[in-house]
C-alpha atoms as a PDB file:
ATOM      1  CA  MET A   1     -87.467 -13.148 225.900  1.00  0.00           C
ATOM      2  CA  THR A   2     -89.400 -15.590 226.780  1.00  0.00           C
ATOM      3  CA  LEU A   3     -91.696 -14.840 223.338  1.00  0.00           C
ATOM      4  CA  LEU A   4     -88.524 -14.433 221.457  1.00  0.00           C
ATOM      5  CA  THR A   5     -87.142 -17.855 222.555  1.00  0.00           C
ATOM      6  CA  THR A   6     -90.434 -19.805 221.629  1.00  0.00           C
ATOM      7  CA  VAL A   7     -91.393 -18.180 218.512  1.00  0.00           C
ATOM      8  CA  PHE A   8     -87.736 -18.516 217.127  1.00  0.00           C
ATOM      9  CA  ALA A   9     -88.471 -22.094 218.504  1.00  0.00           C
ATOM     10  CA  ALA A  10     -92.171 -22.532 216.735  1.00  0.00           C
ATOM     11  CA  ILE A  11     -90.629 -20.871 213.193  1.00  0.00           C
ATOM     12  CA  ILE A  12     -88.039 -23.343 213.084  1.00  0.00           C
ATOM     13  CA  CYS A  13     -90.358 -26.257 213.994  1.00  0.00           C
ATOM     14  CA  THR A  14     -92.399 -25.103 211.175  1.00  0.00           C
ATOM     15  CA  VAL A  15     -90.088 -24.579 208.664  1.00  0.00           C
ATOM     16  CA  ILE A  16     -88.626 -28.366 209.596  1.00  0.00           C
ATOM     17  CA  TRP A  17     -91.980 -29.441 209.484  1.00  0.00           C
ATOM     18  CA  TYR A  18     -93.024 -27.911 205.831  1.00  0.00           C
ATOM     19  CA  ALA A  19     -89.783 -29.528 204.395  1.00  0.00           C
ATOM     20  CA  THR A  20     -91.371 -32.862 205.114  1.00  0.00           C
ATOM     21  CA  ALA A  21     -94.697 -31.763 204.607  1.00  0.00           C
ATOM     22  CA  PRO A  22     -96.245 -35.218 202.845  1.00  0.00           C
ATOM     23  CA  LYS A  23     -94.738 -37.134 205.855  1.00  0.00           C
ATOM     24  CA  ASN A  24     -96.184 -36.526 209.148  1.00  0.00           C
ATOM     25  CA  ASP A  25     -93.915 -40.140 210.701  1.00  0.00           C
ATOM     26  CA  MET A  26     -92.201 -38.060 213.786  1.00  0.00           C
ATOM     27  CA  LYS A  27     -95.222 -36.270 214.493  1.00  0.00           C
ATOM     28  CA  ILE A  28     -93.446 -32.645 213.865  1.00  0.00           C
ATOM     29  CA  GLY A  29     -96.908 -30.918 213.580  1.00  0.00           C
ATOM     30  CA  THR A  30     -97.584 -31.508 217.240  1.00  0.00           C
ATOM     31  CA  LEU A  31     -94.825 -30.098 218.283  1.00  0.00           C
ATOM     32  CA  CYS A  32     -95.509 -27.114 216.161  1.00  0.00           C
ATOM     33  CA  LEU A  33     -98.766 -26.421 217.550  1.00  0.00           C
ATOM     34  CA  ILE A  34     -96.666 -27.073 221.093  1.00  0.00           C
ATOM     35  CA  TYR A  35     -94.731 -23.851 220.155  1.00  0.00           C
ATOM     36  CA  TRP A  36     -97.474 -21.678 218.392  1.00  0.00           C
ATOM     37  CA  GLY A  37     -99.458 -22.523 221.758  1.00  0.00           C
ATOM     38  CA  ALA A  38     -96.675 -21.352 223.623  1.00  0.00           C
ATOM     39  CA  SER A  39     -96.126 -18.381 221.458  1.00  0.00           C
ATOM     40  CA  LEU A  40     -99.550 -16.896 221.660  1.00  0.00           C
ATOM     41  CA  MET A  41     -99.373 -17.645 225.727  1.00  0.00           C
ATOM     42  CA  TRP A  42     -96.486 -15.407 225.830  1.00  0.00           C
ATOM     43  CA  PHE A  43     -97.796 -13.185 223.438  1.00  0.00           C
ATOM     44  CA  VAL A  44    -100.798 -12.226 225.629  1.00  0.00           C
ATOM     45  CA  ASP A  45     -98.734 -12.105 228.852  1.00  0.00           C
ATOM     46  CA  ALA A  46     -96.481  -9.768 227.056  1.00  0.00           C
ATOM     47  CA  VAL A  47     -99.403  -7.304 225.716  1.00  0.00           C
ATOM     48  CA  PHE A  48    -100.981  -7.718 229.332  1.00  0.00           C
ATOM     49  CA  GLU A  49     -97.770  -6.807 230.994  1.00  0.00           C
ATOM     50  CA  TYR A  50     -97.217  -4.154 228.393  1.00  0.00           C
ATOM     51  CA  ALA A  51    -100.870  -2.420 229.718  1.00  0.00           C
ATOM     52  CA  GLU A  52     -99.089  -2.292 233.100  1.00  0.00           C
ATOM     53  CA  LEU A  53     -95.962  -1.000 232.767  1.00  0.00           C
ATOM     54  CA  SER A  54     -96.237   1.316 229.664  1.00  0.00           C
ATOM     55  CA  ASN A  55     -92.831   2.510 228.173  1.00  0.00           C
ATOM     56  CA  ALA A  56     -90.871   0.867 231.167  1.00  0.00           C
ATOM     57  CA  TYR A  57     -91.698  -2.116 229.121  1.00  0.00           C
ATOM     58  CA  PHE A  58     -88.948  -1.996 226.733  1.00  0.00           C
ATOM     59  CA  ALA A  59     -86.257  -1.258 228.949  1.00  0.00           C
ATOM     60  CA  PRO A  60     -85.770  -4.353 230.974  1.00  0.00           C
ATOM     61  CA  ASP A  61     -82.505  -5.259 233.097  1.00  0.00           C
ATOM     62  CA  PRO A  62     -80.440  -7.577 232.292  1.00  0.00           C
ATOM     63  CA  ALA A  63     -80.776  -9.906 235.062  1.00  0.00           C
ATOM     64  CA  ALA A  64     -84.941  -9.718 234.099  1.00  0.00           C
ATOM     65  CA  MET A  65     -83.937 -10.528 230.516  1.00  0.00           C
ATOM     66  CA  LEU A  66     -81.711 -13.376 231.486  1.00  0.00           C
ATOM     67  CA  ASN A  67     -84.580 -14.948 233.934  1.00  0.00           C
ATOM     68  CA  ASP A  68     -86.924 -14.647 231.067  1.00  0.00           C
ATOM     69  CA  PHE A  69     -84.564 -16.322 228.355  1.00  0.00           C
ATOM     70  CA  TYR A  70     -84.049 -19.102 230.567  1.00  0.00           C
ATOM     71  CA  LEU A  71     -87.928 -19.503 231.272  1.00  0.00           C
ATOM     72  CA  GLY A  72     -88.123 -19.538 227.779  1.00  0.00           C
ATOM     73  CA  LEU A  73     -85.590 -22.458 227.119  1.00  0.00           C
ATOM     74  CA  THR A  74     -87.303 -24.220 229.915  1.00  0.00           C
ATOM     75  CA  ALA A  75     -90.678 -23.836 227.801  1.00  0.00           C
ATOM     76  CA  VAL A  76     -89.055 -25.143 224.861  1.00  0.00           C
ATOM     77  CA  ALA A  77     -87.335 -28.037 226.434  1.00  0.00           C
ATOM     78  CA  LEU A  78     -90.928 -28.783 228.480  1.00  0.00           C
ATOM     79  CA  GLY A  79     -92.448 -29.149 224.533  1.00  0.00           C
ATOM     80  CA  LEU A  80     -89.532 -31.116 223.369  1.00  0.00           C
ATOM     81  CA  LEU A  81     -89.960 -33.644 226.404  1.00  0.00           C
ATOM     82  CA  ILE A  82     -94.253 -33.819 225.845  1.00  0.00           C
ATOM     83  CA  TRP A  83     -93.421 -34.386 222.248  1.00  0.00           C
ATOM     84  CA  LEU A  84     -90.951 -36.795 223.136  1.00  0.00           C
ATOM     85  CA  ALA A  85     -93.475 -39.083 225.142  1.00  0.00           C
ATOM     86  CA  ILE A  86     -95.884 -38.448 222.376  1.00  0.00           C
ATOM     87  CA  LEU A  87     -93.645 -39.933 219.755  1.00  0.00           C
ATOM     88  CA  LEU A  88     -92.517 -42.882 221.973  1.00  0.00           C
ATOM     89  CA  VAL A  89     -96.586 -43.721 222.888  1.00  0.00           C
ATOM     90  CA  LYS A  90     -97.347 -43.340 219.524  1.00  0.00           C
ATOM     91  CA  ASP A  91     -94.127 -44.948 218.002  1.00  0.00           C
ATOM     92  CA  PRO A  92     -95.207 -43.988 213.913  1.00  0.00           C
ATOM     93  CA  ARG A  93     -92.008 -46.197 213.199  1.00  0.00           C
ATOM     94  CA  GLY A  94     -92.420 -49.478 215.118  1.00  0.00           C
ATOM     95  CA  VAL A  95     -88.938 -48.727 216.800  1.00  0.00           C
ATOM     96  CA  VAL A  96     -90.029 -49.286 220.434  1.00  0.00           C
ATOM     97  CA  ARG A  97     -92.450 -51.991 219.638  1.00  0.00           C
ATOM     98  CA  LEU A  98     -89.685 -53.698 217.526  1.00  0.00           C
ATOM     99  CA  ALA A  99     -86.915 -53.498 220.386  1.00  0.00           C
ATOM    100  CA  LEU A 100     -89.619 -54.848 223.028  1.00  0.00           C
ATOM    101  CA  TRP A 101     -90.405 -57.954 220.481  1.00  0.00           C
ATOM    102  CA  LYS A 102     -86.510 -58.311 220.414  1.00  0.00           C
ATOM    103  CA  ARG A 103     -86.070 -58.508 223.838  1.00  0.00           C
ATOM    104  CA  LYS A 104     -88.965 -60.391 224.188  1.00  0.00           C
ATOM    105  CA  THR A 105     -87.681 -63.284 221.871  1.00  0.00           C
ATOM    106  CA  ASP A 106     -83.968 -63.158 222.879  1.00  0.00           C
ATOM    107  CA  GLN A 107     -85.534 -64.048 226.192  1.00  0.00           C
END
């Protein structure tokens, strides 16, 4: 479930990036790389887990699936937080700088 969650997030993010490809104001390409990297990590984990469990890999119990799904959502949320931090630091549209400048001039 972690692999599926991150792959779906990566695909959705890639579609959004492709739709806005000429402009890279919001650094969506960085978010895509974060999600594709997480997907690659979970894919390698799935390969090694399949090598260890063999056919039992395809019959997980529901509690393990729910736990893996929560882990995948956590990975997606962490990717969004990292992207948001990058976006606030780089400030491509100058919103943070403008807000700080306005705050200084109001005092």
